[in-house]
Amino acid sequence: MIKINLLPPEKRNLNYLTQNVIIVIFFFTIIICLSIYVQGYIEICTLEDQVERTNKQYGLLNKTVERKVEIEEKNTLLEKKNNILIDLSKNRISEYAMMVHLSNLIIDNVWLTEVSFSNSELTLKGSAIDYKVLAIFLKKIEQDQLFKTTSLINSETKQDSISNKNITVFEILIKFKEV
């Protein structure tokens, strides 16, 4: 059955209208609250997802950073080892290079019988045909740019058992210049 209110508007029951308006406002309020709640929930889920992805990226980057630090430590260790080797070989002249250099300094009628190396010294033992040739050889060594000082330690004249001639047997100590 349908109710029709035929009363004039002044005499009509306004409670019913007020109740309907309150109910409509209540439903709209509930709908607005629910939409705000859903929107907040969606934002929270989105932010949690971003946090999870960021944590994964952080984990990957953290492993990469750890690997980088490990490689840098190994590189530093290798550089230290390399610097030690450079320092050790820096002031050292190779024996081969020294022999080649000595071969350029040897003059005629001088023979080397023994060559010994140490860190900063070179000892030469040998023979010369006479003192004059030995003096020329010593002067040539003294003028060389590689050597700092030259000292004649021993020199004596002996008779050669093969040729029965007098020869000068010598021993020279040479100090290297700092490289």
C-alpha atoms as a PDB file:
ATOM      1  CA  MET A   1       0.000   0.000   0.000  1.00  0.00           C
ATOM      2  CA  ILE A   2       1.122   3.458  -0.854  1.00  0.00           C
ATOM      3  CA  LYS A   3       0.770   6.228   1.620  1.00  0.00           C
ATOM      4  CA  ILE A   4       0.089   9.657   0.356  1.00  0.00           C
ATOM      5  CA  ASN A   5       0.295  12.556   2.684  1.00  0.00           C
ATOM      6  CA  LEU A   6      -2.414  14.993   1.738  1.00  0.00           C
ATOM      7  CA  LEU A   7      -1.856  17.315   4.627  1.00  0.00           C
ATOM      8  CA  PRO A   8      -0.647  20.796   3.899  1.00  0.00           C
ATOM      9  CA  PRO A   9       3.120  21.190   4.270  1.00  0.00           C
ATOM     10  CA  GLU A  10       2.779  23.037   7.572  1.00  0.00           C
ATOM     11  CA  LYS A  11       0.941  20.158   9.194  1.00  0.00           C
ATOM     12  CA  ARG A  12       2.914  17.341   7.692  1.00  0.00           C
ATOM     13  CA  ASN A  13       5.181  15.177   9.861  1.00  0.00           C
ATOM     14  CA  LEU A  14       8.737  16.375   9.250  1.00  0.00           C
ATOM     15  CA  ASN A  15      10.267  13.587  11.271  1.00  0.00           C
ATOM     16  CA  TYR A  16      10.066  11.260   8.380  1.00  0.00           C
ATOM     17  CA  LEU A  17      11.884  13.669   6.076  1.00  0.00           C
ATOM     18  CA  THR A  18      14.496  14.443   8.697  1.00  0.00           C
ATOM     19  CA  GLN A  19      15.032  10.751   9.302  1.00  0.00           C
ATOM     20  CA  ASN A  20      15.528  10.152   5.582  1.00  0.00           C
ATOM     21  CA  VAL A  21      18.010  13.011   5.308  1.00  0.00           C
ATOM     22  CA  ILE A  22      19.950  11.732   8.348  1.00  0.00           C
ATOM     23  CA  ILE A  23      20.002   8.217   6.946  1.00  0.00           C
ATOM     24  CA  VAL A  24      21.227   9.492   3.562  1.00  0.00           C
ATOM     25  CA  ILE A  25      23.904  11.627   5.234  1.00  0.00           C
ATOM     26  CA  PHE A  26      24.900   8.643   7.385  1.00  0.00           C
ATOM     27  CA  PHE A  27      25.260   6.416   4.323  1.00  0.00           C
ATOM     28  CA  PHE A  28      27.249   9.065   2.486  1.00  0.00           C
ATOM     29  CA  THR A  29      29.494   9.445   5.536  1.00  0.00           C
ATOM     30  CA  ILE A  30      30.010   5.692   5.691  1.00  0.00           C
ATOM     31  CA  ILE A  31      30.746   5.593   1.968  1.00  0.00           C
ATOM     32  CA  ILE A  32      33.215   8.483   2.284  1.00  0.00           C
ATOM     33  CA  CYS A  33      34.900   6.834   5.296  1.00  0.00           C
ATOM     34  CA  LEU A  34      35.089   3.518   3.466  1.00  0.00           C
ATOM     35  CA  SER A  35      36.567   5.181   0.375  1.00  0.00           C
ATOM     36  CA  ILE A  36      39.147   7.002   2.540  1.00  0.00           C
ATOM     37  CA  TYR A  37      39.949   3.713   4.283  1.00  0.00           C
ATOM     38  CA  VAL A  38      40.312   1.857   0.968  1.00  0.00           C
ATOM     39  CA  GLN A  39      42.433   4.658  -0.486  1.00  0.00           C
ATOM     40  CA  GLY A  40      44.696   4.596   2.617  1.00  0.00           C
ATOM     41  CA  TYR A  41      44.910   0.808   2.479  1.00  0.00           C
ATOM     42  CA  ILE A  42      45.913   0.949  -1.216  1.00  0.00           C
ATOM     43  CA  GLU A  43      48.551   3.597  -0.445  1.00  0.00           C
ATOM     44  CA  ILE A  44      49.884   1.498   2.447  1.00  0.00           C
ATOM     45  CA  CYS A  45      50.084  -1.599   0.223  1.00  0.00           C
ATOM     46  CA  THR A  46      51.824   0.422  -2.488  1.00  0.00           C
ATOM     47  CA  LEU A  47      54.325   1.851  -0.003  1.00  0.00           C
ATOM     48  CA  GLU A  48      54.972  -1.587   1.530  1.00  0.00           C
ATOM     49  CA  ASP A  49      55.623  -2.945  -1.968  1.00  0.00           C
ATOM     50  CA  GLN A  50      58.044  -0.074  -2.653  1.00  0.00           C
ATOM     51  CA  VAL A  51      59.781  -0.734   0.694  1.00  0.00           C
ATOM     52  CA  GLU A  52      60.133  -4.419  -0.206  1.00  0.00           C
ATOM     53  CA  ARG A  53      61.572  -3.612  -3.646  1.00  0.00           C
ATOM     54  CA  THR A  54      63.915  -1.024  -2.105  1.00  0.00           C
ATOM     55  CA  ASN A  55      65.100  -3.570   0.469  1.00  0.00           C
ATOM     56  CA  LYS A  56      65.816  -6.063  -2.325  1.00  0.00           C
ATOM     57  CA  GLN A  57      67.771  -3.423  -4.246  1.00  0.00           C
ATOM     58  CA  TYR A  58      69.610  -2.488  -1.048  1.00  0.00           C
ATOM     59  CA  GLY A  59      70.517  -6.142  -0.528  1.00  0.00           C
ATOM     60  CA  LEU A  60      71.872  -6.382  -4.060  1.00  0.00           C
ATOM     61  CA  LEU A  61      73.745  -3.095  -3.732  1.00  0.00           C
ATOM     62  CA  ASN A  62      75.093  -4.129  -0.346  1.00  0.00           C
ATOM     63  CA  LYS A  63      76.542  -7.310  -1.876  1.00  0.00           C
ATOM     64  CA  THR A  64      78.008  -5.217  -4.680  1.00  0.00           C
ATOM     65  CA  VAL A  65      79.520  -2.755  -2.224  1.00  0.00           C
ATOM     66  CA  GLU A  66      80.989  -5.619  -0.165  1.00  0.00           C
ATOM     67  CA  ARG A  67      82.496  -7.091  -3.329  1.00  0.00           C
ATOM     68  CA  LYS A  68      83.873  -3.665  -4.290  1.00  0.00           C
ATOM     69  CA  VAL A  69      85.470  -3.225  -0.851  1.00  0.00           C
ATOM     70  CA  GLU A  70      86.971  -6.714  -1.085  1.00  0.00           C
ATOM     71  CA  ILE A  71      88.401  -5.960  -4.532  1.00  0.00           C
ATOM     72  CA  GLU A  72      89.773  -2.612  -3.335  1.00  0.00           C
ATOM     73  CA  GLU A  73      91.478  -4.347  -0.389  1.00  0.00           C
ATOM     74  CA  LYS A  74      93.028  -6.906  -2.732  1.00  0.00           C
ATOM     75  CA  ASN A  75      94.094  -4.116  -5.085  1.00  0.00           C
ATOM     76  CA  THR A  76      95.693  -2.201  -2.188  1.00  0.00           C
ATOM     77  CA  LEU A  77      97.539  -5.343  -1.108  1.00  0.00           C
ATOM     78  CA  LEU A  78      98.776  -5.918  -4.662  1.00  0.00           C
ATOM     79  CA  GLU A  79      99.917  -2.290  -4.916  1.00  0.00           C
ATOM     80  CA  LYS A  80     101.844  -2.662  -1.644  1.00  0.00           C
ATOM     81  CA  LYS A  81     103.512  -5.836  -2.905  1.00  0.00           C
ATOM     82  CA  ASN A  82     104.290  -4.169  -6.219  1.00  0.00           C
ATOM     83  CA  ASN A  83     105.783  -1.131  -4.453  1.00  0.00           C
ATOM     84  CA  ILE A  84     107.960  -3.419  -2.329  1.00  0.00           C
ATOM     85  CA  LEU A  85     109.222  -5.148  -5.472  1.00  0.00           C
ATOM     86  CA  ILE A  86     109.844  -1.804  -7.153  1.00  0.00           C
ATOM     87  CA  ASP A  87     111.750  -0.554  -4.103  1.00  0.00           C
ATOM     88  CA  LEU A  88     113.826  -3.735  -4.012  1.00  0.00           C
ATOM     89  CA  SER A  89     114.728  -3.585  -7.679  1.00  0.00           C
ATOM     90  CA  LYS A  90     114.944   0.199  -7.898  1.00  0.00           C
ATOM     91  CA  ASN A  91     118.552   0.527  -6.761  1.00  0.00           C
ATOM     92  CA  ARG A  92     119.654  -2.758  -8.203  1.00  0.00           C
ATOM     93  CA  ILE A  93     121.341  -3.199 -11.529  1.00  0.00           C
ATOM     94  CA  SER A  94     120.880  -6.522 -13.271  1.00  0.00           C
ATOM     95  CA  GLU A  95     123.949  -8.694 -13.549  1.00  0.00           C
ATOM     96  CA  TYR A  96     123.424  -9.169 -17.248  1.00  0.00           C
ATOM     97  CA  ALA A  97     123.281  -5.415 -17.856  1.00  0.00           C
ATOM     98  CA  MET A  98     126.419  -4.960 -15.750  1.00  0.00           C
ATOM     99  CA  MET A  99     128.328  -7.615 -17.737  1.00  0.00           C
ATOM    100  CA  VAL A 100     127.327  -5.960 -21.002  1.00  0.00           C
ATOM    101  CA  HIS A 101     128.406  -2.598 -19.621  1.00  0.00           C
ATOM    102  CA  LEU A 102     131.740  -4.019 -18.407  1.00  0.00           C
ATOM    103  CA  SER A 103     132.385  -5.568 -21.807  1.00  0.00           C
ATOM    104  CA  ASN A 104     132.199  -2.065 -23.279  1.00  0.00           C
ATOM    105  CA  LEU A 105     134.706  -0.776 -20.705  1.00  0.00           C
ATOM    106  CA  ILE A 106     137.339  -3.503 -21.152  1.00  0.00           C
ATOM    107  CA  ILE A 107     140.323  -2.354 -23.193  1.00  0.00           C
ATOM    108  CA  ASP A 108     142.881  -4.398 -25.078  1.00  0.00           C
ATOM    109  CA  ASN A 109     145.428  -6.292 -22.986  1.00  0.00           C
ATOM    110  CA  VAL A 110     143.150  -6.432 -19.904  1.00  0.00           C
ATOM    111  CA  TRP A 111     141.511  -9.717 -18.893  1.00  0.00           C
ATOM    112  CA  LEU A 112     138.955 -10.234 -16.171  1.00  0.00           C
ATOM    113  CA  THR A 113     139.184 -13.531 -14.299  1.00  0.00           C
ATOM    114  CA  GLU A 114     136.525 -12.933 -11.650  1.00  0.00           C
ATOM    115  CA  VAL A 115     133.564 -10.579 -11.351  1.00  0.00           C
ATOM    116  CA  SER A 116     131.425 -10.487  -8.197  1.00  0.00           C
ATOM    117  CA  PHE A 117     128.362  -8.352  -7.446  1.00  0.00           C
ATOM    118  CA  SER A 118     126.850  -7.195  -4.189  1.00  0.00           C
ATOM    119  CA  ASN A 119     124.108  -4.621  -3.511  1.00  0.00           C
ATOM    120  CA  SER A 120     126.182  -1.538  -4.165  1.00  0.00           C
ATOM    121  CA  GLU A 121     129.613  -2.887  -5.045  1.00  0.00           C
ATOM    122  CA  LEU A 122     131.377  -4.664  -7.835  1.00  0.00           C
ATOM    123  CA  THR A 123     134.663  -6.507  -7.403  1.00  0.00           C
ATOM    124  CA  LEU A 124     136.848  -7.159 -10.446  1.00  0.00           C
ATOM    125  CA  LYS A 125     139.840  -9.463 -10.472  1.00  0.00           C
ATOM    126  CA  GLY A 126     141.951  -9.872 -13.513  1.00  0.00           C
ATOM    127  CA  SER A 127     145.226  -9.352 -15.317  1.00  0.00           C
ATOM    128  CA  ALA A 128     146.761  -6.645 -17.451  1.00  0.00           C
ATOM    129  CA  ILE A 129     149.847  -6.702 -19.603  1.00  0.00           C
ATOM    130  CA  ASP A 130     151.433  -3.919 -17.515  1.00  0.00           C
ATOM    131  CA  TYR A 131     150.730  -1.079 -15.076  1.00  0.00           C
ATOM    132  CA  LYS A 132     150.234   1.448 -17.867  1.00  0.00           C
ATOM    133  CA  VAL A 133     147.342  -0.534 -19.392  1.00  0.00           C
ATOM    134  CA  LEU A 134     145.906  -1.063 -15.906  1.00  0.00           C
ATOM    135  CA  ALA A 135     146.032   2.711 -15.263  1.00  0.00           C
ATOM    136  CA  ILE A 136     144.189   3.401 -18.542  1.00  0.00           C
ATOM    137  CA  PHE A 137     141.552   0.826 -17.591  1.00  0.00           C
ATOM    138  CA  LEU A 138     141.127   2.381 -14.119  1.00  0.00           C
ATOM    139  CA  LYS A 139     140.790   5.871 -15.636  1.00  0.00           C
ATOM    140  CA  LYS A 140     138.107   4.614 -18.023  1.00  0.00           C
ATOM    141  CA  ILE A 141     136.180   3.056 -15.130  1.00  0.00           C
ATOM    142  CA  GLU A 142     136.470   6.256 -13.046  1.00  0.00           C
ATOM    143  CA  GLN A 143     135.040   8.325 -15.897  1.00  0.00           C
ATOM    144  CA  ASP A 144     132.051   6.021 -16.279  1.00  0.00           C
ATOM    145  CA  GLN A 145     128.696   7.501 -15.228  1.00  0.00           C
ATOM    146  CA  LEU A 146     127.476   4.300 -13.563  1.00  0.00           C
ATOM    147  CA  PHE A 147     130.228   4.108 -10.954  1.00  0.00           C
ATOM    148  CA  LYS A 148     130.698   6.334  -7.926  1.00  0.00           C
ATOM    149  CA  THR A 149     134.165   5.366  -6.679  1.00  0.00           C
ATOM    150  CA  THR A 150     136.892   3.083  -7.946  1.00  0.00           C
ATOM    151  CA  SER A 151     139.546   1.645  -5.656  1.00  0.00           C
ATOM    152  CA  LEU A 152     142.531  -0.452  -6.633  1.00  0.00           C
ATOM    153  CA  ILE A 153     142.736  -2.937  -3.770  1.00  0.00           C
ATOM    154  CA  ASN A 154     145.667  -5.025  -4.921  1.00  0.00           C
ATOM    155  CA  SER A 155     148.045  -5.085  -7.831  1.00  0.00           C
ATOM    156  CA  GLU A 156     151.249  -7.023  -8.280  1.00  0.00           C
ATOM    157  CA  THR A 157     153.461  -8.159 -11.078  1.00  0.00           C
ATOM    158  CA  LYS A 158     153.719 -11.903 -11.596  1.00  0.00           C
ATOM    159  CA  GLN A 159     155.191 -14.085 -14.227  1.00  0.00           C
ATOM    160  CA  ASP A 160     152.629 -15.794 -16.424  1.00  0.00           C
ATOM    161  CA  SER A 161     153.188 -19.553 -16.420  1.00  0.00           C
ATOM    162  CA  ILE A 162     152.019 -19.951 -20.026  1.00  0.00           C
ATOM    163  CA  SER A 163     153.762 -17.106 -21.815  1.00  0.00           C
ATOM    164  CA  ASN A 164     156.626 -16.639 -19.322  1.00  0.00           C
ATOM    165  CA  LYS A 165     156.034 -12.863 -19.442  1.00  0.00           C
ATOM    166  CA  ASN A 166     155.434 -10.490 -16.575  1.00  0.00           C
ATOM    167  CA  ILE A 167     151.765  -9.524 -16.142  1.00  0.00           C
ATOM    168  CA  THR A 168     150.009  -7.310 -13.612  1.00  0.00           C
ATOM    169  CA  VAL A 169     147.402  -9.103 -11.514  1.00  0.00           C
ATOM    170  CA  PHE A 170     144.861  -6.735  -9.959  1.00  0.00           C
ATOM    171  CA  GLU A 171     141.771  -6.486  -7.809  1.00  0.00           C
ATOM    172  CA  ILE A 172     139.464  -3.474  -8.121  1.00  0.00           C
ATOM    173  CA  LEU A 173     136.526  -2.498  -5.890  1.00  0.00           C
ATOM    174  CA  ILE A 174     133.895  -0.315  -7.574  1.00  0.00           C
ATOM    175  CA  LYS A 175     130.917   1.332  -5.835  1.00  0.00           C
ATOM    176  CA  PHE A 176     127.779   2.099  -7.819  1.00  0.00           C
ATOM    177  CA  LYS A 177     126.088   5.467  -7.941  1.00  0.00           C
ATOM    178  CA  GLU A 178     122.545   5.688  -6.574  1.00  0.00           C
ATOM    179  CA  VAL A 179     120.111   4.958  -9.364  1.00  0.00           C
END
